[in-house]
Amino acid sequence: MAFVDCLTAMESTCQKLLDRVEGLLAIVISDKDGVSILKVNQPSGGGFPLTPDFLSSYTLALDQVSKLPAGHASSVYSFHDYHQVAQFSMGSFYISFVALDSANYGMFPTLAEEIRGCHSKTIDKLIASVLETGRNSTA
């Protein structure tokens, strides 16, 4: 399967999850620096900012929480006025879910595992490709 086909399949999986889960507004897959690799969202968007600086703040928070003596943190949840954000560390990448405050946040770990189970190799290859391209352009 060609790389573009893999990305299309990954986007399709995320879109199916958006359609299946009531109140889920967006799924964002990003690297360890918070750079978005894939972003799939409802057309309405819910008026919630999906900017890289906003999403990378969760990546930073999750990294800092992991440094506490309580042990490794694999997820962080945040509740806002009308929205909630859940972010999961999947090793070399992060999966973020943005949903309405009424959505069932207990489903997010299962959804994250579903995405990782189907597409972790594709995501790892994409991140490596982007990093390699960046190294070659600065040389």
Protein backbone atom coordinates (compact mmCIF):
# COMPACT_ATOMS: atom_id res chain seq x y z
CA MET A 1 0.00 0.00 0.00
CA ALA A 2 1.43 3.37 -1.02
CA PHE A 3 2.21 5.95 1.65
CA VAL A 4 -0.55 8.28 0.42
CA ASP A 5 -3.02 5.41 0.62
CA CYS A 6 -1.95 4.78 4.24
CA LEU A 7 -2.54 8.43 5.11
CA THR A 8 -5.93 8.34 3.40
CA ALA A 9 -6.82 5.22 5.39
CA MET A 10 -5.70 6.91 8.62
CA GLU A 11 -7.80 9.98 7.83
CA SER A 12 -10.75 7.74 6.99
CA THR A 13 -10.42 5.93 10.33
CA CYS A 14 -10.42 9.24 12.21
CA GLN A 15 -13.41 10.50 10.23
CA LYS A 16 -15.35 7.32 11.05
CA LEU A 17 -14.59 7.86 14.74
CA LEU A 18 -15.82 11.47 14.50
CA ASP A 19 -19.03 10.26 12.91
CA ARG A 20 -19.46 7.45 15.46
CA VAL A 21 -18.85 9.35 18.71
CA GLU A 22 -21.42 11.93 19.69
CA GLY A 23 -19.90 15.26 20.68
CA LEU A 24 -16.42 14.52 19.30
CA LEU A 25 -15.30 17.58 17.36
CA ALA A 26 -11.71 16.86 16.30
CA ILE A 27 -8.90 14.33 16.34
CA VAL A 28 -5.36 15.60 15.99
CA ILE A 29 -2.27 13.42 15.67
CA SER A 30 0.95 15.28 16.40
CA ASP A 31 4.63 14.65 16.99
CA LYS A 32 6.44 15.18 20.30
CA ASP A 33 6.84 18.90 19.55
CA GLY A 34 3.11 19.36 19.04
CA VAL A 35 3.37 19.71 15.27
CA SER A 36 0.17 18.40 13.70
CA ILE A 37 0.64 15.38 11.46
CA LEU A 38 -3.07 14.83 10.79
CA LYS A 39 -6.09 16.87 11.79
CA VAL A 40 -9.65 15.72 11.18
CA ASN A 41 -12.52 17.79 12.50
CA GLN A 42 -16.26 18.25 12.21
CA PRO A 43 -17.26 20.93 9.69
CA SER A 44 -18.79 23.02 12.49
CA GLY A 45 -15.55 22.81 14.50
CA GLY A 46 -17.33 23.95 17.62
CA GLY A 47 -15.39 27.23 17.66
CA PHE A 48 -12.49 25.64 19.52
CA PRO A 49 -8.90 26.65 18.64
CA LEU A 50 -6.94 23.83 17.05
CA THR A 51 -3.83 25.94 16.58
CA PRO A 52 -0.38 24.36 17.00
CA ASP A 53 0.48 26.57 19.98
CA PHE A 54 -2.68 25.55 21.82
CA LEU A 55 -2.23 21.83 21.14
CA SER A 56 1.50 21.88 21.93
CA SER A 57 0.69 23.23 25.41
CA TYR A 58 -0.91 19.85 26.16
CA THR A 59 2.16 18.05 24.88
CA LEU A 60 4.31 20.15 27.20
CA ALA A 61 1.96 19.59 30.15
CA LEU A 62 1.97 15.84 29.62
CA ASP A 63 5.77 15.83 29.40
CA GLN A 64 6.08 17.85 32.63
CA VAL A 65 3.59 15.68 34.53
CA SER A 66 5.62 12.62 33.55
CA LYS A 67 8.61 14.10 35.39
CA LEU A 68 6.78 14.12 38.72
CA PRO A 69 7.69 11.38 41.19
CA ALA A 70 4.20 9.87 40.80
CA GLY A 71 5.33 7.94 37.72
CA HIS A 72 4.82 8.07 33.99
CA ALA A 73 1.73 9.92 32.74
CA SER A 74 0.26 8.70 29.48
CA SER A 75 -2.71 11.06 29.23
CA VAL A 76 -3.98 14.45 30.26
CA TYR A 77 -7.57 15.72 30.34
CA SER A 78 -8.65 19.32 30.39
CA PHE A 79 -12.13 20.75 30.71
CA HIS A 80 -12.98 24.20 29.37
CA ASP A 81 -16.24 26.16 29.34
CA TYR A 82 -17.94 24.14 26.62
CA HIS A 83 -15.21 21.78 25.49
CA GLN A 84 -12.88 19.11 26.75
CA VAL A 85 -9.48 18.05 25.48
CA ALA A 86 -7.85 14.68 26.05
CA GLN A 87 -4.32 13.94 24.90
CA PHE A 88 -2.60 10.57 24.91
CA SER A 89 1.10 9.82 24.59
CA MET A 90 1.69 6.97 22.18
CA GLY A 91 5.48 6.87 22.33
CA SER A 92 6.71 8.86 19.35
CA PHE A 93 3.41 10.67 18.77
CA TYR A 94 0.37 12.11 20.54
CA ILE A 95 -3.33 11.74 19.85
CA SER A 96 -5.58 14.61 20.94
CA PHE A 97 -9.36 14.58 21.09
CA VAL A 98 -11.42 17.75 21.27
CA ALA A 99 -15.05 17.24 22.23
CA LEU A 100 -18.07 19.00 23.63
CA ASP A 101 -18.21 19.06 27.42
CA SER A 102 -21.17 16.65 27.25
CA ALA A 103 -19.19 13.93 25.41
CA ASN A 104 -18.27 10.71 27.20
CA TYR A 105 -14.58 11.21 27.96
CA GLY A 106 -14.31 7.61 29.16
CA MET A 107 -14.28 6.52 25.51
CA PHE A 108 -11.14 8.45 24.58
CA PRO A 109 -8.56 5.87 25.77
CA THR A 110 -10.29 3.19 23.69
CA LEU A 111 -10.39 5.47 20.64
CA ALA A 112 -6.69 6.31 21.05
CA GLU A 113 -5.81 2.62 21.19
CA GLU A 114 -7.95 1.98 18.12
CA ILE A 115 -6.02 4.59 16.13
CA ARG A 116 -2.66 3.38 17.43
CA GLY A 117 -3.49 -0.24 16.69
CA CYS A 118 -4.38 0.53 13.08
CA HIS A 119 -1.86 3.21 12.19
CA SER A 120 1.12 3.49 14.56
CA LYS A 121 3.64 2.29 11.93
CA THR A 122 2.30 4.77 9.36
CA ILE A 123 2.50 7.63 11.87
CA ASP A 124 6.06 6.68 12.90
CA LYS A 125 7.14 6.56 9.22
CA LEU A 126 5.52 9.93 8.54
CA ILE A 127 7.24 11.56 11.52
CA ALA A 128 10.61 10.09 10.48
CA SER A 129 10.07 11.33 6.93
CA VAL A 130 9.22 14.85 8.09
CA LEU A 131 12.25 14.94 10.41
CA GLU A 132 14.55 13.67 7.66
CA THR A 133 13.21 16.28 5.22
CA GLY A 134 13.86 18.98 7.81
CA ARG A 135 17.44 17.79 8.36
CA ASN A 136 18.14 17.70 4.62
CA SER A 137 16.76 21.19 4.05
CA THR A 138 19.05 22.72 6.70
CA ALA A 139 22.17 20.98 5.38
